[in-house]
Amino acid sequence: METAEDLLHEVWLRFRGRSSADIRSPGAYLSRIADNLAADEARRQARRLQASEVNDLLDLRDDAPTAEQSIIARDEIRAVVAAISELPERQRAIFIAARLRGERYASIAARHSITTRTVENEVRRVLDHCAARLDRLPR
């Protein structure tokens, strides 16, 4: 009800601010003011969040890692880097090309004069090796 009263007051203020000589049809003019103000208010209301929407925004979970999660992730990265450095040169080069650079297995195979099946096997072996190193990390 308060909004209707506010809009009516705004209509009256806008109408009162005009001289009657400027207005050919006062009824149509008043109607147009009211229509425009109602449309403006409807747009404002549509942009306004409901209480439930505000509560949903306030209850957003923080997805940032905790300090403990960050430490664990750093330890895992170090373990993977160390595991990769333990690999024979060709196996390391194949893995880096396939997984870090995203090269196609066929181009890696051609460069190393091996089959794509061998590339697949080498990548799998490296992943198994890294997984084994991660399993050895203290939790």
N, C-alpha and C. Protein backbone atom coordinates (compact mmCIF):
# COMPACT_ATOMS: atom_id res chain seq x y z
N MET A 1 0.83 -1.19 0.00
CA MET A 1 0.00 0.00 0.00
C MET A 1 0.87 1.25 0.00
N GLU A 2 1.98 1.18 0.68
CA GLU A 2 2.87 2.32 0.77
C GLU A 2 3.37 2.73 -0.61
N THR A 3 3.68 1.76 -1.46
CA THR A 3 4.17 2.04 -2.80
C THR A 3 3.12 2.78 -3.61
N ALA A 4 1.86 2.36 -3.51
CA ALA A 4 0.77 3.03 -4.24
C ALA A 4 0.64 4.48 -3.79
N GLU A 5 0.73 4.70 -2.49
CA GLU A 5 0.65 6.06 -1.98
C GLU A 5 1.82 6.90 -2.47
N ASP A 6 3.01 6.30 -2.45
CA ASP A 6 4.19 7.02 -2.94
C ASP A 6 4.06 7.37 -4.42
N LEU A 7 3.56 6.40 -5.22
CA LEU A 7 3.38 6.66 -6.65
C LEU A 7 2.33 7.75 -6.88
N LEU A 8 1.25 7.71 -6.13
CA LEU A 8 0.21 8.74 -6.26
C LEU A 8 0.77 10.11 -5.92
N HIS A 9 1.57 10.17 -4.87
CA HIS A 9 2.18 11.44 -4.48
C HIS A 9 3.12 11.94 -5.59
N GLU A 10 3.88 11.03 -6.19
CA GLU A 10 4.79 11.40 -7.29
C GLU A 10 4.02 11.91 -8.50
N VAL A 11 2.89 11.27 -8.81
CA VAL A 11 2.03 11.73 -9.92
C VAL A 11 1.58 13.15 -9.63
N TRP A 12 1.12 13.38 -8.42
CA TRP A 12 0.63 14.71 -8.05
C TRP A 12 1.74 15.75 -8.15
N LEU A 13 2.94 15.43 -7.70
CA LEU A 13 4.05 16.37 -7.78
C LEU A 13 4.41 16.71 -9.23
N ARG A 14 4.41 15.72 -10.07
CA ARG A 14 4.74 15.96 -11.48
C ARG A 14 3.64 16.75 -12.18
N PHE A 15 2.41 16.44 -11.84
CA PHE A 15 1.29 17.15 -12.46
C PHE A 15 1.26 18.59 -11.97
N ARG A 16 1.48 18.80 -10.69
CA ARG A 16 1.45 20.13 -10.09
C ARG A 16 2.56 21.01 -10.64
N GLY A 17 3.67 20.42 -11.04
CA GLY A 17 4.80 21.19 -11.55
C GLY A 17 4.58 21.74 -12.95
N ARG A 18 3.52 21.35 -13.63
CA ARG A 18 3.22 21.82 -14.99
C ARG A 18 2.15 22.90 -14.94
N SER A 19 2.23 23.80 -15.86
CA SER A 19 1.15 24.79 -15.94
C SER A 19 0.02 24.20 -16.78
N SER A 20 -1.18 24.56 -16.47
CA SER A 20 -2.34 24.00 -17.17
C SER A 20 -2.34 24.40 -18.64
N ALA A 21 -1.65 25.47 -19.01
CA ALA A 21 -1.60 25.89 -20.41
C ALA A 21 -0.78 24.91 -21.25
N ASP A 22 0.18 24.22 -20.62
CA ASP A 22 1.04 23.28 -21.34
C ASP A 22 0.34 21.94 -21.61
N ILE A 23 -0.74 21.67 -20.88
CA ILE A 23 -1.38 20.35 -20.95
C ILE A 23 -2.68 20.46 -21.72
N ARG A 24 -2.76 19.73 -22.86
CA ARG A 24 -3.99 19.75 -23.67
C ARG A 24 -5.07 18.86 -23.07
N SER A 25 -4.65 17.71 -22.56
CA SER A 25 -5.63 16.77 -22.01
C SER A 25 -5.14 16.34 -20.63
N PRO A 26 -5.58 17.01 -19.56
CA PRO A 26 -5.08 16.71 -18.22
C PRO A 26 -5.32 15.25 -17.81
N GLY A 27 -6.45 14.67 -18.15
CA GLY A 27 -6.74 13.28 -17.78
C GLY A 27 -5.77 12.32 -18.43
N ALA A 28 -5.52 12.51 -19.72
CA ALA A 28 -4.57 11.65 -20.44
C ALA A 28 -3.16 11.85 -19.91
N TYR A 29 -2.83 13.11 -19.60
CA TYR A 29 -1.51 13.41 -19.07
C TYR A 29 -1.30 12.72 -17.72
N LEU A 30 -2.28 12.80 -16.84
CA LEU A 30 -2.20 12.14 -15.54
C LEU A 30 -2.06 10.62 -15.71
N SER A 31 -2.84 10.09 -16.63
CA SER A 31 -2.79 8.64 -16.88
C SER A 31 -1.41 8.23 -17.38
N ARG A 32 -0.84 9.05 -18.25
CA ARG A 32 0.49 8.74 -18.79
C ARG A 32 1.56 8.80 -17.69
N ILE A 33 1.48 9.80 -16.83
CA ILE A 33 2.43 9.90 -15.71
C ILE A 33 2.32 8.65 -14.84
N ALA A 34 1.09 8.28 -14.49
CA ALA A 34 0.87 7.11 -13.62
C ALA A 34 1.39 5.84 -14.29
N ASP A 35 1.12 5.68 -15.59
CA ASP A 35 1.60 4.49 -16.30
C ASP A 35 3.13 4.43 -16.29
N ASN A 36 3.76 5.55 -16.58
CA ASN A 36 5.22 5.59 -16.60
C ASN A 36 5.83 5.29 -15.23
N LEU A 37 5.26 5.89 -14.20
CA LEU A 37 5.77 5.65 -12.85
C LEU A 37 5.56 4.20 -12.42
N ALA A 38 4.40 3.64 -12.77
CA ALA A 38 4.13 2.23 -12.44
C ALA A 38 5.12 1.32 -13.16
N ALA A 39 5.42 1.60 -14.42
CA ALA A 39 6.38 0.80 -15.17
C ALA A 39 7.78 0.91 -14.56
N ASP A 40 8.15 2.14 -14.16
CA ASP A 40 9.45 2.33 -13.51
C ASP A 40 9.53 1.53 -12.21
N GLU A 41 8.45 1.58 -11.43
CA GLU A 41 8.43 0.86 -10.16
C GLU A 41 8.49 -0.64 -10.39
N ALA A 42 7.81 -1.13 -11.40
CA ALA A 42 7.84 -2.56 -11.72
C ALA A 42 9.26 -3.00 -12.09
N ARG A 43 9.97 -2.17 -12.86
CA ARG A 43 11.35 -2.48 -13.21
C ARG A 43 12.25 -2.49 -11.96
N ARG A 44 12.03 -1.52 -11.07
CA ARG A 44 12.81 -1.48 -9.83
C ARG A 44 12.55 -2.72 -8.99
N GLN A 45 11.31 -3.11 -8.88
CA GLN A 45 10.96 -4.30 -8.09
C GLN A 45 11.57 -5.57 -8.70
N ALA A 46 11.59 -5.63 -10.02
CA ALA A 46 12.14 -6.81 -10.69
C ALA A 46 13.64 -6.94 -10.42
N ARG A 47 14.32 -5.80 -10.29
CA ARG A 47 15.75 -5.82 -10.02
C ARG A 47 16.06 -6.08 -8.55
N ARG A 48 15.12 -5.84 -7.67
CA ARG A 48 15.32 -5.99 -6.24
C ARG A 48 15.29 -7.47 -5.86
N LEU A 49 16.24 -7.89 -5.06
CA LEU A 49 16.29 -9.28 -4.62
C LEU A 49 15.26 -9.52 -3.52
N GLN A 50 14.70 -10.70 -3.54
CA GLN A 50 13.80 -11.12 -2.47
C GLN A 50 14.64 -11.52 -1.26
N ALA A 51 14.03 -11.56 -0.09
CA ALA A 51 14.76 -11.92 1.14
C ALA A 51 15.40 -13.30 1.01
N SER A 52 14.70 -14.24 0.42
CA SER A 52 15.27 -15.59 0.28
C SER A 52 16.49 -15.58 -0.63
N GLU A 53 16.47 -14.73 -1.67
CA GLU A 53 17.62 -14.64 -2.57
C GLU A 53 18.82 -14.03 -1.85
N VAL A 54 18.57 -13.03 -1.01
CA VAL A 54 19.65 -12.42 -0.24
C VAL A 54 20.25 -13.46 0.71
N ASN A 55 19.38 -14.23 1.38
CA ASN A 55 19.87 -15.27 2.30
C ASN A 55 20.69 -16.31 1.54
N ASP A 56 20.25 -16.69 0.36
CA ASP A 56 21.01 -17.65 -0.44
C ASP A 56 22.40 -17.11 -0.76
N LEU A 57 22.47 -15.82 -1.08
CA LEU A 57 23.77 -15.22 -1.39
C LEU A 57 24.66 -15.15 -0.15
N LEU A 58 24.07 -14.89 0.99
CA LEU A 58 24.85 -14.81 2.22
C LEU A 58 25.35 -16.18 2.68
N ASP A 59 24.65 -17.23 2.27
CA ASP A 59 25.02 -18.58 2.68
C ASP A 59 25.95 -19.27 1.69
N LEU A 60 26.52 -18.52 0.74
CA LEU A 60 27.41 -19.13 -0.24
C LEU A 60 28.62 -19.73 0.46
N ARG A 61 28.96 -20.93 -0.01
CA ARG A 61 30.12 -21.62 0.52
C ARG A 61 31.39 -20.99 -0.03
N ASP A 62 32.39 -20.93 0.77
CA ASP A 62 33.69 -20.45 0.31
C ASP A 62 34.45 -21.65 -0.24
N ASP A 63 34.70 -21.65 -1.55
CA ASP A 63 35.37 -22.77 -2.19
C ASP A 63 36.89 -22.66 -2.15
N ALA A 64 37.38 -21.61 -1.54
CA ALA A 64 38.83 -21.45 -1.46
C ALA A 64 39.40 -22.56 -0.57
N PRO A 65 40.54 -23.09 -0.96
CA PRO A 65 41.12 -24.18 -0.16
C PRO A 65 41.55 -23.67 1.22
N THR A 66 41.45 -24.55 2.19
CA THR A 66 41.94 -24.22 3.52
C THR A 66 43.46 -24.26 3.50
N ALA A 67 44.07 -23.78 4.57
CA ALA A 67 45.53 -23.81 4.66
C ALA A 67 46.03 -25.26 4.59
N GLU A 68 45.31 -26.15 5.26
CA GLU A 68 45.70 -27.57 5.23
C GLU A 68 45.60 -28.15 3.82
N GLN A 69 44.54 -27.82 3.12
CA GLN A 69 44.38 -28.31 1.75
C GLN A 69 45.49 -27.77 0.84
N SER A 70 45.86 -26.52 1.05
CA SER A 70 46.94 -25.92 0.24
C SER A 70 48.27 -26.62 0.49
N ILE A 71 48.53 -26.93 1.74
CA ILE A 71 49.78 -27.63 2.08
C ILE A 71 49.80 -29.02 1.46
N ILE A 72 48.67 -29.73 1.56
CA ILE A 72 48.57 -31.07 0.97
C ILE A 72 48.77 -31.00 -0.54
N ALA A 73 48.13 -30.02 -1.18
CA ALA A 73 48.25 -29.87 -2.63
C ALA A 73 49.69 -29.59 -3.03
N ARG A 74 50.39 -28.72 -2.28
CA ARG A 74 51.79 -28.44 -2.58
C ARG A 74 52.65 -29.69 -2.43
N ASP A 75 52.37 -30.46 -1.38
CA ASP A 75 53.12 -31.71 -1.18
C ASP A 75 52.88 -32.68 -2.33
N GLU A 76 51.64 -32.76 -2.79
CA GLU A 76 51.32 -33.65 -3.91
C GLU A 76 52.01 -33.20 -5.19
N ILE A 77 52.04 -31.89 -5.42
CA ILE A 77 52.72 -31.37 -6.61
C ILE A 77 54.21 -31.69 -6.55
N ARG A 78 54.81 -31.49 -5.38
CA ARG A 78 56.23 -31.82 -5.23
C ARG A 78 56.48 -33.31 -5.49
N ALA A 79 55.58 -34.15 -4.99
CA ALA A 79 55.74 -35.59 -5.17
C ALA A 79 55.63 -35.97 -6.65
N VAL A 80 54.70 -35.34 -7.37
CA VAL A 80 54.53 -35.64 -8.80
C VAL A 80 55.75 -35.15 -9.58
N VAL A 81 56.22 -33.96 -9.26
CA VAL A 81 57.42 -33.43 -9.94
C VAL A 81 58.62 -34.35 -9.69
N ALA A 82 58.77 -34.78 -8.44
CA ALA A 82 59.87 -35.70 -8.12
C ALA A 82 59.70 -37.02 -8.85
N ALA A 83 58.48 -37.54 -8.91
CA ALA A 83 58.22 -38.81 -9.60
C ALA A 83 58.55 -38.69 -11.08
N ILE A 84 58.18 -37.58 -11.69
CA ILE A 84 58.46 -37.38 -13.12
C ILE A 84 59.97 -37.26 -13.35
N SER A 85 60.67 -36.62 -12.43
CA SER A 85 62.13 -36.47 -12.59
C SER A 85 62.86 -37.80 -12.46
N GLU A 86 62.24 -38.80 -11.83
CA GLU A 86 62.85 -40.13 -11.70
C GLU A 86 62.76 -40.97 -12.98
N LEU A 87 61.94 -40.52 -13.91
CA LEU A 87 61.67 -41.31 -15.13
C LEU A 87 62.85 -41.28 -16.10
N PRO A 88 62.96 -42.31 -16.93
CA PRO A 88 63.93 -42.26 -18.02
C PRO A 88 63.58 -41.09 -18.96
N GLU A 89 64.58 -40.54 -19.61
CA GLU A 89 64.41 -39.34 -20.44
C GLU A 89 63.30 -39.50 -21.48
N ARG A 90 63.29 -40.59 -22.24
CA ARG A 90 62.28 -40.77 -23.29
C ARG A 90 60.88 -40.84 -22.70
N GLN A 91 60.72 -41.57 -21.61
CA GLN A 91 59.41 -41.70 -20.98
C GLN A 91 58.93 -40.34 -20.47
N ARG A 92 59.84 -39.57 -19.87
CA ARG A 92 59.49 -38.24 -19.38
C ARG A 92 59.09 -37.34 -20.54
N ALA A 93 59.84 -37.38 -21.64
CA ALA A 93 59.54 -36.54 -22.80
C ALA A 93 58.18 -36.90 -23.41
N ILE A 94 57.90 -38.19 -23.48
CA ILE A 94 56.60 -38.63 -24.02
C ILE A 94 55.46 -38.13 -23.13
N PHE A 95 55.63 -38.29 -21.82
CA PHE A 95 54.58 -37.86 -20.89
C PHE A 95 54.35 -36.36 -20.96
N ILE A 96 55.42 -35.59 -20.94
CA ILE A 96 55.30 -34.13 -20.99
C ILE A 96 54.63 -33.69 -22.29
N ALA A 97 55.02 -34.31 -23.39
CA ALA A 97 54.40 -33.95 -24.68
C ALA A 97 52.91 -34.29 -24.69
N ALA A 98 52.58 -35.47 -24.17
CA ALA A 98 51.18 -35.92 -24.22
C ALA A 98 50.29 -35.20 -23.22
N ARG A 99 50.73 -35.11 -21.98
CA ARG A 99 49.85 -34.61 -20.93
C ARG A 99 50.00 -33.13 -20.62
N LEU A 100 51.18 -32.61 -20.75
CA LEU A 100 51.36 -31.20 -20.42
C LEU A 100 51.24 -30.28 -21.63
N ARG A 101 51.70 -30.77 -22.77
CA ARG A 101 51.60 -29.96 -23.99
C ARG A 101 50.38 -30.31 -24.83
N GLY A 102 49.75 -31.44 -24.54
CA GLY A 102 48.54 -31.84 -25.25
C GLY A 102 48.78 -32.29 -26.69
N GLU A 103 49.97 -32.75 -26.98
CA GLU A 103 50.28 -33.20 -28.34
C GLU A 103 49.56 -34.52 -28.63
N ARG A 104 49.28 -34.75 -29.90
CA ARG A 104 48.64 -36.00 -30.32
C ARG A 104 49.63 -37.15 -30.21
N TYR A 105 49.08 -38.30 -29.83
CA TYR A 105 49.92 -39.48 -29.68
C TYR A 105 50.63 -39.83 -30.99
N ALA A 106 49.97 -39.64 -32.12
CA ALA A 106 50.57 -39.98 -33.42
C ALA A 106 51.82 -39.14 -33.68
N SER A 107 51.77 -37.84 -33.36
CA SER A 107 52.96 -37.00 -33.61
C SER A 107 54.08 -37.34 -32.63
N ILE A 108 53.73 -37.69 -31.40
CA ILE A 108 54.75 -38.11 -30.43
C ILE A 108 55.40 -39.42 -30.91
N ALA A 109 54.57 -40.34 -31.35
CA ALA A 109 55.08 -41.63 -31.84
C ALA A 109 56.03 -41.43 -33.02
N ALA A 110 55.64 -40.57 -33.95
CA ALA A 110 56.49 -40.33 -35.12
C ALA A 110 57.83 -39.71 -34.71
N ARG A 111 57.80 -38.77 -33.79
CA ARG A 111 59.03 -38.11 -33.36
C ARG A 111 59.99 -39.09 -32.67
N HIS A 112 59.44 -40.07 -31.94
CA HIS A 112 60.28 -41.02 -31.21
C HIS A 112 60.45 -42.35 -31.95
N SER A 113 59.90 -42.43 -33.15
CA SER A 113 59.98 -43.66 -33.97
C SER A 113 59.41 -44.87 -33.22
N ILE A 114 58.24 -44.67 -32.63
CA ILE A 114 57.55 -45.74 -31.91
C ILE A 114 56.09 -45.74 -32.35
N THR A 115 55.32 -46.72 -31.88
CA THR A 115 53.90 -46.79 -32.24
C THR A 115 53.07 -45.95 -31.26
N THR A 116 51.88 -45.62 -31.70
CA THR A 116 50.99 -44.88 -30.79
C THR A 116 50.63 -45.75 -29.58
N ARG A 117 50.57 -47.05 -29.78
CA ARG A 117 50.30 -47.97 -28.66
C ARG A 117 51.41 -47.87 -27.62
N THR A 118 52.63 -47.72 -28.06
CA THR A 118 53.75 -47.56 -27.13
C THR A 118 53.62 -46.24 -26.37
N VAL A 119 53.21 -45.20 -27.08
CA VAL A 119 52.99 -43.91 -26.41
C VAL A 119 51.93 -44.08 -25.32
N GLU A 120 50.82 -44.73 -25.66
CA GLU A 120 49.75 -44.97 -24.68
C GLU A 120 50.27 -45.72 -23.46
N ASN A 121 51.06 -46.76 -23.71
CA ASN A 121 51.62 -47.56 -22.61
C ASN A 121 52.56 -46.74 -21.73
N GLU A 122 53.39 -45.92 -22.36
CA GLU A 122 54.33 -45.09 -21.59
C GLU A 122 53.58 -44.07 -20.72
N VAL A 123 52.57 -43.45 -21.29
CA VAL A 123 51.78 -42.48 -20.51
C VAL A 123 51.12 -43.18 -19.33
N ARG A 124 50.55 -44.37 -19.56
CA ARG A 124 49.91 -45.13 -18.48
C ARG A 124 50.94 -45.48 -17.39
N ARG A 125 52.13 -45.91 -17.82
CA ARG A 125 53.18 -46.26 -16.84
C ARG A 125 53.56 -45.05 -15.98
N VAL A 126 53.68 -43.88 -16.62
CA VAL A 126 54.04 -42.67 -15.87
C VAL A 126 52.92 -42.34 -14.88
N LEU A 127 51.68 -42.43 -15.31
CA LEU A 127 50.57 -42.15 -14.40
C LEU A 127 50.56 -43.12 -13.23
N ASP A 128 50.82 -44.39 -13.50
CA ASP A 128 50.90 -45.39 -12.43
C ASP A 128 52.04 -45.07 -11.47
N HIS A 129 53.18 -44.67 -12.04
CA HIS A 129 54.35 -44.32 -11.23
C HIS A 129 54.03 -43.12 -10.32
N CYS A 130 53.40 -42.10 -10.87
CA CYS A 130 53.04 -40.91 -10.09
C CYS A 130 52.02 -41.25 -9.00
N ALA A 131 51.05 -42.08 -9.35
CA ALA A 131 50.03 -42.48 -8.38
C ALA A 131 50.68 -43.24 -7.22
N ALA A 132 51.65 -44.09 -7.52
CA ALA A 132 52.34 -44.83 -6.47
C ALA A 132 53.10 -43.88 -5.55
N ARG A 133 53.72 -42.86 -6.12
CA ARG A 133 54.44 -41.87 -5.31
C ARG A 133 53.47 -41.10 -4.41
N LEU A 134 52.31 -40.76 -4.93
CA LEU A 134 51.31 -40.02 -4.14
C LEU A 134 50.77 -40.89 -3.01
N ASP A 135 50.64 -42.18 -3.24
CA ASP A 135 50.14 -43.08 -2.18
C ASP A 135 51.12 -43.17 -1.02
N ARG A 136 52.37 -42.86 -1.26
CA ARG A 136 53.39 -42.95 -0.21
C ARG A 136 53.46 -41.68 0.65
N LEU A 137 52.73 -40.66 0.26
CA LEU A 137 52.75 -39.41 1.04
C LEU A 137 52.09 -39.64 2.40
N PRO A 138 52.66 -39.06 3.45
CA PRO A 138 51.98 -39.17 4.77
C PRO A 138 50.70 -38.35 4.76
N ARG A 139 49.68 -38.87 5.35
CA ARG A 139 48.37 -38.18 5.40
C ARG A 139 48.11 -37.68 6.79
